[in-house]
Protein backbone atom coordinates (compact mmCIF):
# COMPACT_ATOMS: atom_id res chain seq x y z
CA UNK A 1 -12.07 -39.41 43.13
CA UNK A 2 -15.00 -41.37 43.96
CA UNK A 3 -14.96 -45.28 44.36
CA UNK A 4 -15.26 -46.99 40.87
CA UNK A 5 -17.47 -49.50 39.97
CA UNK A 6 -15.89 -51.41 37.00
CA UNK A 7 -12.00 -50.49 35.14
CA UNK A 8 -13.81 -51.28 32.15
CA UNK A 9 -16.81 -48.73 32.37
CA UNK A 10 -16.78 -45.39 30.38
CA UNK A 11 -16.98 -43.24 33.58
CA UNK A 12 -13.91 -44.78 34.98
CA UNK A 13 -11.43 -44.56 31.73
CA UNK A 14 -12.83 -40.77 31.30
CA UNK A 15 -11.51 -40.73 35.83
CA UNK A 16 -7.94 -42.75 35.06
CA UNK A 17 -7.45 -40.21 31.72
CA UNK A 18 -7.89 -37.26 33.90
CA UNK A 19 -5.76 -38.53 36.42
CA UNK A 20 -2.95 -40.40 34.01
CA UNK A 21 -3.16 -36.51 31.67
CA UNK A 22 -2.62 -35.16 35.44
CA UNK A 23 0.70 -37.00 36.23
CA UNK A 24 2.56 -36.25 33.36
CA UNK A 25 2.06 -33.11 33.66
CA UNK A 26 2.99 -33.47 37.41
CA UNK A 27 6.68 -34.83 36.98
CA UNK A 28 6.98 -33.05 33.12
CA UNK A 29 6.43 -29.54 35.30
CA UNK A 30 7.77 -30.11 38.53
CA UNK A 31 9.59 -26.40 39.41
CA UNK A 32 7.57 -24.65 37.27
CA UNK A 33 4.35 -22.44 37.40
CA UNK A 34 0.93 -24.44 36.77
CA UNK A 35 0.58 -21.63 34.09
CA UNK A 36 2.42 -24.24 32.20
CA UNK A 37 5.94 -23.65 30.49
CA UNK A 38 6.43 -20.76 27.88
CA UNK A 39 6.54 -22.46 24.87
CA UNK A 40 6.23 -20.59 20.93
CA UNK A 41 2.00 -20.69 21.24
CA UNK A 42 0.89 -19.91 24.17
CA UNK A 43 -1.98 -22.72 26.08
CA UNK A 44 -5.37 -21.08 25.63
CA UNK A 45 -7.44 -19.88 28.74
CA UNK A 46 -8.62 -22.03 31.05
CA UNK A 47 -10.82 -21.27 34.64
CA UNK A 48 -8.69 -19.50 36.59
CA UNK A 49 -7.02 -20.45 39.87
CA UNK A 50 -9.02 -18.15 42.12
CA UNK A 51 -11.64 -19.19 40.84
CA UNK A 52 -11.43 -22.51 43.61
CA UNK A 53 -8.56 -20.53 45.76
CA UNK A 54 -6.99 -23.33 47.96
CA UNK A 55 -6.80 -25.53 45.74
CA UNK A 56 -3.86 -27.38 43.97
CA UNK A 57 -3.84 -26.47 39.57
CA UNK A 58 -1.55 -28.66 37.35
CA UNK A 59 -1.86 -27.54 33.36
CA UNK A 60 -0.88 -29.65 30.84
CA UNK A 61 -1.99 -29.72 27.12
CA UNK A 62 -4.44 -31.03 24.94
CA UNK A 63 -3.76 -33.66 21.81
CA UNK A 64 -6.28 -35.06 20.06
CA UNK A 65 -5.19 -38.74 20.70
CA UNK A 66 -5.66 -37.15 24.51
CA UNK A 67 -9.46 -36.75 23.71
CA UNK A 68 -9.62 -39.75 22.14
CA UNK A 69 -8.57 -41.40 25.62
CA UNK A 70 -12.33 -39.70 26.99
CA UNK A 71 -14.92 -42.46 25.62
CA UNK A 72 -14.63 -45.46 23.39
CA UNK A 73 -15.67 -44.48 19.59
CA UNK A 74 -14.83 -45.55 16.89
CA UNK A 75 -13.48 -43.46 14.61
CA UNK A 76 -13.08 -40.62 17.85
CA UNK A 77 -10.00 -39.34 15.84
CA UNK A 78 -11.14 -38.99 12.72
CA UNK A 79 -14.17 -37.21 13.35
CA UNK A 80 -11.65 -34.77 15.32
CA UNK A 81 -9.85 -34.17 11.92
CA UNK A 82 -12.70 -33.24 10.18
CA UNK A 83 -13.90 -30.76 12.55
CA UNK A 84 -10.28 -29.06 12.68
CA UNK A 85 -9.27 -29.55 16.50
CA UNK A 86 -6.36 -27.01 16.80
CA UNK A 87 -5.68 -26.94 20.37
CA UNK A 88 -5.99 -27.20 23.90
CA UNK A 89 -5.29 -26.62 27.79
CA UNK A 90 -6.33 -27.94 30.09
CA UNK A 91 -5.89 -26.84 34.05
CA UNK A 92 -6.75 -29.42 36.84
CA UNK A 93 -7.96 -28.69 39.98
CA UNK A 94 -7.56 -30.77 42.99
CA UNK A 95 -8.25 -30.31 47.08
CA UNK A 96 -11.95 -29.35 49.00
CA UNK A 97 -13.55 -27.20 48.84
CA UNK A 98 -16.34 -28.52 50.75
CA UNK A 99 -18.45 -29.10 47.03
CA UNK A 100 -15.85 -30.14 44.67
CA UNK A 101 -12.64 -32.27 45.31
CA UNK A 102 -11.79 -31.94 41.68
CA UNK A 103 -12.62 -29.55 39.05
CA UNK A 104 -11.67 -30.16 35.83
CA UNK A 105 -11.80 -26.96 33.33
CA UNK A 106 -10.29 -27.50 29.86
CA UNK A 107 -10.55 -25.31 26.50
CA UNK A 108 -11.22 -25.93 23.38
CA UNK A 109 -10.37 -24.57 19.51
CA UNK A 110 -11.75 -26.48 16.17
CA UNK A 111 -11.20 -24.78 12.93
CA UNK A 112 -14.41 -23.59 12.38
CA UNK A 113 -18.08 -22.71 15.06
CA UNK A 114 -19.18 -25.99 13.71
CA UNK A 115 -16.44 -27.98 13.88
CA UNK A 116 -16.32 -26.95 18.14
CA UNK A 117 -19.85 -27.38 17.85
CA UNK A 118 -20.33 -30.78 16.08
CA UNK A 119 -18.24 -32.34 19.39
CA UNK A 120 -20.67 -30.78 21.83
CA UNK A 121 -22.89 -32.70 19.97
CA UNK A 122 -21.10 -35.84 19.99
CA UNK A 123 -21.40 -35.65 23.94
CA UNK A 124 -24.51 -35.64 23.73
CA UNK A 125 -25.46 -38.37 21.33
CA UNK A 126 -22.27 -40.90 22.69
CA UNK A 127 -23.16 -39.65 26.22
CA UNK A 128 -22.97 -42.97 27.74
CA UNK A 129 -19.23 -44.03 26.57
CA UNK A 130 -18.51 -40.68 28.06
CA UNK A 131 -20.02 -41.61 31.34
CA UNK A 132 -22.64 -45.11 31.09
CA UNK A 133 -25.81 -45.34 31.24
CA UNK A 134 -27.90 -43.52 32.59
CA UNK A 135 -26.37 -39.81 32.59
CA UNK A 136 -29.06 -37.59 32.27
CA UNK A 137 -28.43 -34.41 29.89
CA UNK A 138 -30.01 -31.01 30.03
CA UNK A 139 -29.54 -27.92 27.81
CA UNK A 140 -27.49 -25.28 28.31
CA UNK A 141 -26.61 -22.28 27.81
CA UNK A 142 -24.13 -19.01 29.06
CA UNK A 143 -22.73 -16.65 27.89
CA UNK A 144 -23.31 -16.76 24.07
CA UNK A 145 -22.58 -19.90 24.84
CA UNK A 146 -24.85 -23.14 24.11
CA UNK A 147 -24.48 -27.07 24.61
CA UNK A 148 -24.99 -29.92 27.88
CA UNK A 149 -25.00 -30.13 31.54
CA UNK A 150 -23.84 -33.97 31.91
CA UNK A 151 -24.96 -35.52 35.20
CA UNK A 152 -23.21 -38.87 35.56
CA UNK A 153 -25.00 -41.79 35.30
CA UNK A 154 -24.53 -43.30 39.44
CA UNK A 155 -21.78 -46.33 39.66
CA UNK A 156 -23.96 -47.54 43.49
CA UNK A 157 -20.58 -47.07 44.44
CA UNK A 158 -20.86 -47.10 48.17
CA UNK A 159 -19.34 -43.29 49.32
CA UNK A 160 -20.05 -42.24 45.63
CA UNK A 161 -19.94 -38.26 44.84
CA UNK A 162 -21.86 -36.78 41.73
CA UNK A 163 -19.57 -36.37 39.21
CA UNK A 164 -21.17 -33.82 36.51
CA UNK A 165 -19.62 -32.48 33.69
CA UNK A 166 -20.72 -28.18 31.91
CA UNK A 167 -19.81 -28.58 27.92
CA UNK A 168 -20.75 -25.52 26.10
CA UNK A 169 -19.36 -23.71 22.39
CA UNK A 170 -18.87 -20.75 21.22
CA UNK A 171 -17.79 -19.83 18.13
CA UNK A 172 -14.80 -22.05 17.42
CA UNK A 173 -13.97 -23.09 21.45
CA UNK A 174 -15.27 -25.23 23.16
CA UNK A 175 -16.15 -24.83 27.56
CA UNK A 176 -15.70 -28.07 29.21
CA UNK A 177 -16.01 -27.76 32.82
CA UNK A 178 -16.76 -30.80 34.69
CA UNK A 179 -16.42 -31.60 38.65
CA UNK A 180 -17.24 -33.78 41.78
CA UNK A 181 -17.50 -33.57 44.48
CA UNK A 182 -19.29 -34.73 47.95
CA UNK A 183 -21.12 -31.34 47.68
CA UNK A 184 -21.32 -30.89 43.78
CA UNK A 185 -24.65 -29.09 42.85
CA UNK A 186 -25.76 -28.18 39.12
CA UNK A 187 -25.85 -24.42 40.21
CA UNK A 188 -22.86 -25.08 41.49
CA UNK A 189 -20.72 -25.35 38.55
CA UNK A 190 -23.81 -23.37 36.53
CA UNK A 191 -21.89 -20.35 39.31
CA UNK A 192 -18.15 -21.26 37.66
CA UNK A 193 -18.97 -21.43 33.60
CA UNK A 194 -18.56 -17.43 34.23
CA UNK A 195 -14.99 -17.69 34.78
CA UNK A 196 -13.56 -20.62 32.29
CA UNK A 197 -13.46 -19.29 29.16
């Protein structure tokens, strides 16, 4: 994980949310496979563990409340409700591939294509709340999905590593793929997208 400039920056808030989710799942899921526990509804598919061989994985479900921890946006929970947010699954990869030291794959399910698209547009329009002022956003499309590629604003830290996010939607689903590491590059993150549902 890269060093953080200030504990109050939106970027550090997102990294902290990912870390908290990872630790809580690790403690709750001791002795279970990385595929999560069995329940009445199967988890949504995420980037397969084989996509980043050698990295450890931890899976968790994502409630609307979990998503609101990503950015300090007033009325975020209400918006998610209006957009019909139903469920989400997250897989956190940790270790080192040479490029990445941390990758997070999320699949989010909304009640409609409009809801999923609205969520993706929110991440674009409020990118400073998610990743700090100076974050760069470019349009992105892949396999019928459309959205954005985000390069998080640099924090000016010693030994800083790049932070990237691809967020796209198709139909009622959102693909959310985050990656950071010393060799993290947009082309490398885009190369993972075909395997991310």
